[in-house]
N, C-alpha and C. Protein backbone atom coordinates (compact mmCIF):
# COMPACT_ATOMS: atom_id res chain seq x y z
N MET A 1 94.82 100.03 126.65
CA MET A 1 94.84 98.97 125.67
C MET A 1 95.00 99.60 124.29
N VAL A 2 95.81 99.00 123.47
CA VAL A 2 96.03 99.46 122.11
C VAL A 2 95.49 98.39 121.17
N LEU A 3 94.52 98.76 120.33
CA LEU A 3 93.92 97.83 119.38
C LEU A 3 93.95 98.41 117.98
N ASP A 4 94.16 97.56 116.99
CA ASP A 4 94.03 98.02 115.61
C ASP A 4 92.59 97.75 115.17
N LYS A 5 92.23 98.17 113.95
CA LYS A 5 90.85 98.04 113.48
C LYS A 5 90.37 96.59 113.52
N LYS A 6 91.22 95.65 113.09
CA LYS A 6 90.84 94.23 113.08
C LYS A 6 90.52 93.76 114.50
N GLN A 7 91.35 94.14 115.49
CA GLN A 7 91.11 93.73 116.87
C GLN A 7 89.82 94.35 117.41
N VAL A 8 89.54 95.61 117.05
CA VAL A 8 88.29 96.23 117.49
C VAL A 8 87.12 95.43 116.95
N ASP A 9 87.14 95.11 115.65
CA ASP A 9 86.06 94.33 115.04
C ASP A 9 85.91 92.97 115.70
N GLU A 10 87.01 92.30 116.00
CA GLU A 10 86.95 90.97 116.63
C GLU A 10 86.32 91.03 118.01
N ASN A 11 86.60 92.06 118.77
CA ASN A 11 86.10 92.16 120.14
C ASN A 11 84.66 92.62 120.23
N PHE A 12 84.14 93.16 119.14
CA PHE A 12 82.73 93.51 119.09
C PHE A 12 81.99 92.50 118.22
N SER A 13 82.53 91.29 118.10
CA SER A 13 82.00 90.31 117.15
C SER A 13 80.53 89.97 117.37
N ASP A 14 80.06 89.99 118.61
CA ASP A 14 78.65 89.64 118.82
C ASP A 14 77.72 90.82 118.59
N ARG A 15 78.27 91.99 118.28
CA ARG A 15 77.42 93.16 118.05
C ARG A 15 77.84 93.95 116.81
N VAL A 16 78.58 93.34 115.95
CA VAL A 16 79.05 94.05 114.77
C VAL A 16 77.89 94.41 113.85
N HIS A 17 76.94 93.49 113.67
CA HIS A 17 75.82 93.73 112.77
C HIS A 17 74.59 94.13 113.59
N LEU A 18 74.46 95.40 113.85
CA LEU A 18 73.34 95.90 114.64
C LEU A 18 72.27 96.47 113.74
N LYS A 19 71.03 96.22 114.10
CA LYS A 19 69.91 96.86 113.41
C LYS A 19 69.55 98.08 114.24
N VAL A 20 69.54 99.23 113.62
CA VAL A 20 69.27 100.49 114.31
C VAL A 20 67.94 101.05 113.82
N VAL A 21 66.99 101.28 114.75
CA VAL A 21 65.71 101.89 114.42
C VAL A 21 65.58 103.15 115.28
N HIS A 22 65.56 104.30 114.63
CA HIS A 22 65.41 105.57 115.34
C HIS A 22 63.95 105.76 115.73
N THR A 23 63.73 106.24 116.94
CA THR A 23 62.37 106.46 117.43
C THR A 23 62.15 107.96 117.61
N SER A 24 60.96 108.32 118.03
CA SER A 24 60.65 109.72 118.32
C SER A 24 60.88 110.05 119.79
N GLU A 25 61.26 109.07 120.58
CA GLU A 25 61.50 109.28 122.02
C GLU A 25 62.73 110.15 122.24
N THR A 26 62.64 111.00 123.26
CA THR A 26 63.78 111.83 123.65
C THR A 26 63.94 111.77 125.16
N LYS A 27 65.12 112.17 125.60
CA LYS A 27 65.44 112.13 127.03
C LYS A 27 66.58 113.12 127.27
N GLU A 28 66.50 113.87 128.36
CA GLU A 28 67.60 114.77 128.68
C GLU A 28 68.65 114.02 129.49
N ILE A 29 69.89 114.11 129.01
CA ILE A 29 71.02 113.48 129.70
C ILE A 29 72.14 114.50 129.74
N ALA A 30 72.68 114.74 130.91
CA ALA A 30 73.81 115.67 131.12
C ALA A 30 73.51 117.04 130.52
N GLY A 31 72.26 117.46 130.61
CA GLY A 31 71.88 118.80 130.18
C GLY A 31 71.61 118.97 128.69
N VAL A 32 71.64 117.89 127.91
CA VAL A 32 71.33 118.00 126.48
C VAL A 32 70.21 117.03 126.12
N MET A 33 69.41 117.43 125.13
CA MET A 33 68.33 116.57 124.67
C MET A 33 68.91 115.47 123.79
N CYS A 34 68.54 114.25 124.09
CA CYS A 34 69.05 113.09 123.36
C CYS A 34 67.90 112.37 122.67
N ARG A 35 68.23 111.77 121.55
CA ARG A 35 67.28 110.97 120.79
C ARG A 35 67.49 109.50 121.13
N GLN A 36 66.43 108.74 120.98
CA GLN A 36 66.51 107.30 121.26
C GLN A 36 66.60 106.52 119.95
N ALA A 37 67.40 105.49 119.97
CA ALA A 37 67.42 104.49 118.90
C ALA A 37 67.29 103.14 119.56
N MET A 38 66.52 102.27 118.96
CA MET A 38 66.39 100.90 119.45
C MET A 38 67.37 100.05 118.65
N ILE A 39 68.18 99.30 119.37
CA ILE A 39 69.21 98.47 118.78
C ILE A 39 68.79 97.01 118.90
N THR A 40 68.91 96.28 117.81
CA THR A 40 68.72 94.82 117.85
C THR A 40 70.03 94.20 117.42
N ASP A 41 70.60 93.37 118.30
CA ASP A 41 71.90 92.76 117.99
C ASP A 41 71.71 91.41 117.31
N SER A 42 72.81 90.74 117.05
CA SER A 42 72.79 89.47 116.31
C SER A 42 72.12 88.33 117.07
N THR A 43 71.86 88.53 118.38
CA THR A 43 71.16 87.52 119.16
C THR A 43 69.68 87.86 119.32
N ASP A 44 69.21 88.86 118.57
CA ASP A 44 67.83 89.36 118.61
C ASP A 44 67.49 90.05 119.93
N HIS A 45 68.50 90.43 120.70
CA HIS A 45 68.29 91.22 121.92
C HIS A 45 68.09 92.67 121.49
N THR A 46 67.01 93.32 121.97
CA THR A 46 66.71 94.70 121.61
C THR A 46 66.81 95.57 122.86
N TYR A 47 67.45 96.72 122.72
CA TYR A 47 67.64 97.62 123.85
C TYR A 47 67.79 99.05 123.32
N PRO A 48 67.49 100.05 124.17
CA PRO A 48 67.59 101.44 123.73
C PRO A 48 68.99 102.01 123.94
N VAL A 49 69.35 102.95 123.09
CA VAL A 49 70.52 103.80 123.29
C VAL A 49 70.05 105.23 123.10
N TYR A 50 70.75 106.16 123.71
CA TYR A 50 70.43 107.57 123.58
C TYR A 50 71.66 108.30 123.08
N TYR A 51 71.44 109.22 122.14
CA TYR A 51 72.54 109.96 121.53
C TYR A 51 72.12 111.39 121.26
N THR A 52 73.10 112.25 121.10
CA THR A 52 72.82 113.63 120.72
C THR A 52 73.64 113.98 119.49
N ASP A 53 73.01 114.76 118.62
CA ASP A 53 73.74 115.29 117.47
C ASP A 53 73.92 116.79 117.62
N ASP A 54 73.70 117.29 118.85
CA ASP A 54 73.88 118.72 119.14
C ASP A 54 75.34 119.12 119.29
N LEU A 55 76.22 118.15 119.48
CA LEU A 55 77.65 118.44 119.64
C LEU A 55 78.35 118.16 118.32
N GLU A 56 79.22 119.05 117.92
CA GLU A 56 79.89 118.92 116.63
C GLU A 56 81.10 118.00 116.73
N ILE A 57 80.84 116.71 116.59
CA ILE A 57 81.89 115.70 116.60
C ILE A 57 81.69 114.83 115.37
N ALA A 58 82.68 114.80 114.51
CA ALA A 58 82.57 114.03 113.26
C ALA A 58 82.77 112.54 113.53
N SER A 59 81.84 111.74 113.09
CA SER A 59 81.91 110.27 113.19
C SER A 59 82.34 109.78 114.56
N PRO A 60 81.60 110.13 115.63
CA PRO A 60 82.03 109.74 116.97
C PRO A 60 82.02 108.24 117.24
N ASN A 61 81.34 107.46 116.41
CA ASN A 61 81.20 106.03 116.68
C ASN A 61 81.93 105.16 115.67
N TRP A 62 82.90 105.71 114.98
CA TRP A 62 83.59 105.00 113.89
C TRP A 62 84.20 103.68 114.33
N SER A 63 84.64 103.59 115.57
CA SER A 63 85.35 102.39 116.02
C SER A 63 84.48 101.49 116.89
N SER A 64 83.18 101.66 116.80
CA SER A 64 82.30 100.85 117.63
C SER A 64 81.21 100.22 116.77
N PRO A 65 80.50 99.26 117.32
CA PRO A 65 79.39 98.65 116.58
C PRO A 65 78.26 99.65 116.29
N PHE A 66 78.29 100.80 116.96
CA PHE A 66 77.25 101.81 116.78
C PHE A 66 77.58 102.79 115.65
N ARG A 67 78.45 102.37 114.73
CA ARG A 67 78.92 103.26 113.66
C ARG A 67 77.80 103.83 112.82
N ASP A 68 76.59 103.22 112.82
CA ASP A 68 75.47 103.73 112.03
C ASP A 68 74.68 104.82 112.75
N ILE A 69 75.08 105.17 113.96
CA ILE A 69 74.43 106.27 114.68
C ILE A 69 75.32 107.50 114.54
N ASN A 70 74.77 108.52 113.90
CA ASN A 70 75.54 109.73 113.65
C ASN A 70 75.28 110.75 114.76
N GLY A 71 75.79 110.45 115.93
CA GLY A 71 75.64 111.32 117.08
C GLY A 71 76.43 110.73 118.24
N LEU A 72 76.72 111.57 119.21
CA LEU A 72 77.49 111.14 120.37
C LEU A 72 76.61 110.33 121.31
N LEU A 73 77.01 109.09 121.58
CA LEU A 73 76.25 108.24 122.50
C LEU A 73 76.33 108.82 123.91
N MET A 74 75.16 108.95 124.53
CA MET A 74 75.11 109.51 125.88
C MET A 74 74.67 108.48 126.92
N GLU A 75 73.98 107.41 126.46
CA GLU A 75 73.61 106.31 127.35
C GLU A 75 73.47 105.06 126.49
N TYR A 76 74.19 104.01 126.87
CA TYR A 76 74.15 102.78 126.09
C TYR A 76 74.77 101.64 126.88
N SER A 77 74.56 100.43 126.38
CA SER A 77 75.17 99.23 126.92
C SER A 77 75.95 98.57 125.81
N ILE A 78 77.04 97.92 126.17
CA ILE A 78 77.85 97.24 125.17
C ILE A 78 78.56 96.06 125.81
N LYS A 79 78.70 94.99 125.04
CA LYS A 79 79.44 93.83 125.51
C LYS A 79 80.83 93.90 124.90
N PHE A 80 81.85 93.78 125.76
CA PHE A 80 83.23 93.87 125.29
C PHE A 80 84.10 93.01 126.19
N GLY A 81 84.89 92.16 125.60
CA GLY A 81 85.81 91.33 126.38
C GLY A 81 85.11 90.44 127.39
N GLY A 82 83.89 89.96 127.08
CA GLY A 82 83.20 89.04 127.96
C GLY A 82 82.40 89.69 129.08
N MET A 83 82.26 91.01 129.05
CA MET A 83 81.45 91.66 130.09
C MET A 83 80.53 92.69 129.45
N VAL A 84 79.43 93.01 130.12
CA VAL A 84 78.49 94.02 129.65
C VAL A 84 78.73 95.28 130.46
N MET A 85 78.92 96.38 129.74
CA MET A 85 79.13 97.67 130.39
C MET A 85 77.93 98.57 130.11
N ASN A 86 77.38 99.21 131.15
CA ASN A 86 76.31 100.18 131.01
C ASN A 86 76.93 101.55 131.25
N LEU A 87 76.84 102.41 130.25
CA LEU A 87 77.49 103.71 130.31
C LEU A 87 76.48 104.83 130.14
N LYS A 88 76.63 105.88 130.95
CA LYS A 88 75.74 107.04 130.87
C LYS A 88 76.55 108.29 131.19
N ALA A 89 76.44 109.29 130.32
CA ALA A 89 77.16 110.55 130.53
C ALA A 89 76.61 111.27 131.76
N LYS A 90 77.51 111.85 132.54
CA LYS A 90 77.12 112.63 133.72
C LYS A 90 77.15 114.12 133.45
N GLU A 91 78.14 114.55 132.66
CA GLU A 91 78.25 115.97 132.34
C GLU A 91 79.03 116.15 131.04
N ILE A 92 78.85 117.31 130.45
CA ILE A 92 79.60 117.69 129.26
C ILE A 92 80.46 118.88 129.64
N VAL A 93 81.74 118.76 129.40
CA VAL A 93 82.68 119.82 129.73
C VAL A 93 83.29 120.30 128.42
N ASN A 94 83.08 121.55 128.10
CA ASN A 94 83.55 122.11 126.83
C ASN A 94 84.94 122.71 127.00
N THR A 95 85.93 121.84 127.05
CA THR A 95 87.32 122.29 127.16
C THR A 95 88.18 121.44 126.24
N LYS A 96 89.36 121.92 125.95
CA LYS A 96 90.34 121.14 125.21
C LYS A 96 91.17 120.36 126.20
N ASN A 97 91.40 119.09 125.89
CA ASN A 97 92.24 118.28 126.77
C ASN A 97 93.71 118.65 126.57
N ASP A 98 94.41 118.74 127.65
CA ASP A 98 95.86 118.91 127.62
C ASP A 98 96.45 117.64 127.02
N GLN A 99 97.44 117.76 126.16
CA GLN A 99 98.04 116.59 125.50
C GLN A 99 98.61 115.58 126.51
N THR A 100 98.97 116.04 127.70
CA THR A 100 99.49 115.11 128.70
C THR A 100 98.41 114.12 129.16
N PHE A 101 97.14 114.47 128.90
CA PHE A 101 96.02 113.58 129.21
C PHE A 101 96.17 112.24 128.50
N TYR A 102 96.80 112.24 127.33
CA TYR A 102 96.94 111.04 126.51
C TYR A 102 98.24 110.28 126.73
N GLU A 103 99.08 110.77 127.63
CA GLU A 103 100.33 110.08 127.91
C GLU A 103 100.09 108.93 128.88
N ILE A 104 100.72 107.83 128.63
CA ILE A 104 100.58 106.65 129.50
C ILE A 104 101.53 106.81 130.67
N PRO A 105 101.00 106.79 131.91
CA PRO A 105 101.85 106.96 133.08
C PRO A 105 102.87 105.83 133.21
N GLU A 106 103.99 106.16 133.79
CA GLU A 106 105.05 105.17 134.02
C GLU A 106 104.51 104.05 134.88
N GLY A 107 104.88 102.82 134.55
CA GLY A 107 104.45 101.67 135.32
C GLY A 107 103.21 100.97 134.79
N TYR A 108 102.50 101.59 133.83
CA TYR A 108 101.33 100.95 133.25
C TYR A 108 101.76 99.99 132.15
N GLU A 109 101.08 98.87 132.07
CA GLU A 109 101.39 97.88 131.06
C GLU A 109 100.45 98.07 129.88
N ILE A 110 101.00 98.16 128.68
CA ILE A 110 100.19 98.27 127.48
C ILE A 110 99.76 96.87 127.07
N ILE A 111 98.45 96.69 126.91
CA ILE A 111 97.90 95.39 126.53
C ILE A 111 97.44 95.51 125.08
N LYS A 112 97.89 94.58 124.25
CA LYS A 112 97.54 94.62 122.83
C LYS A 112 96.51 93.58 122.44
N ASP A 113 96.20 92.68 123.34
CA ASP A 113 95.20 91.65 123.06
C ASP A 113 94.24 91.58 124.24
N PRO A 114 92.96 91.86 124.03
CA PRO A 114 91.99 91.84 125.14
C PRO A 114 91.93 90.50 125.87
N LYS A 115 92.35 89.42 125.23
CA LYS A 115 92.36 88.11 125.90
C LYS A 115 93.36 88.10 127.05
N ASP A 116 94.29 89.06 127.05
CA ASP A 116 95.29 89.15 128.13
C ASP A 116 94.78 89.92 129.35
N LEU A 117 93.56 90.46 129.27
CA LEU A 117 93.02 91.20 130.40
C LEU A 117 92.74 90.27 131.55
N ASN A 118 93.06 90.71 132.75
CA ASN A 118 92.78 89.94 133.95
C ASN A 118 92.05 90.84 134.90
N PHE A 119 90.74 90.60 135.06
CA PHE A 119 89.92 91.44 135.92
C PHE A 119 89.84 90.91 137.35
N GLY A 120 90.51 89.81 137.62
CA GLY A 120 90.54 89.28 138.98
C GLY A 120 89.31 88.51 139.37
N PHE A 121 88.48 88.16 138.41
CA PHE A 121 87.31 87.33 138.73
C PHE A 121 87.07 86.32 137.65
């Protein structure tokens, strides 16, 4: 899917304004120590996310509602396109991706509007 900044903001509309409260809780995920932040969304739903600032990645959350967390998200939930996704890192691999990794395989359809997604349910 290809989205511009406006489309990213529109699709995170229910979580654009998040309240972030950092806690003292920690948890090991994929071999690195992660910090906890409690997130409160615009519906007053509160849930934890875990992130690490041990990896040198500049502004890893710039295109997400978690832009106020200055660290790589390692475990979190997010609502996008009408569904809730729960994501958790399994491992960290310190390699450079081959540029062919970013090439779109022949036969794939590029979707520019998330409303065009068809998940079959």
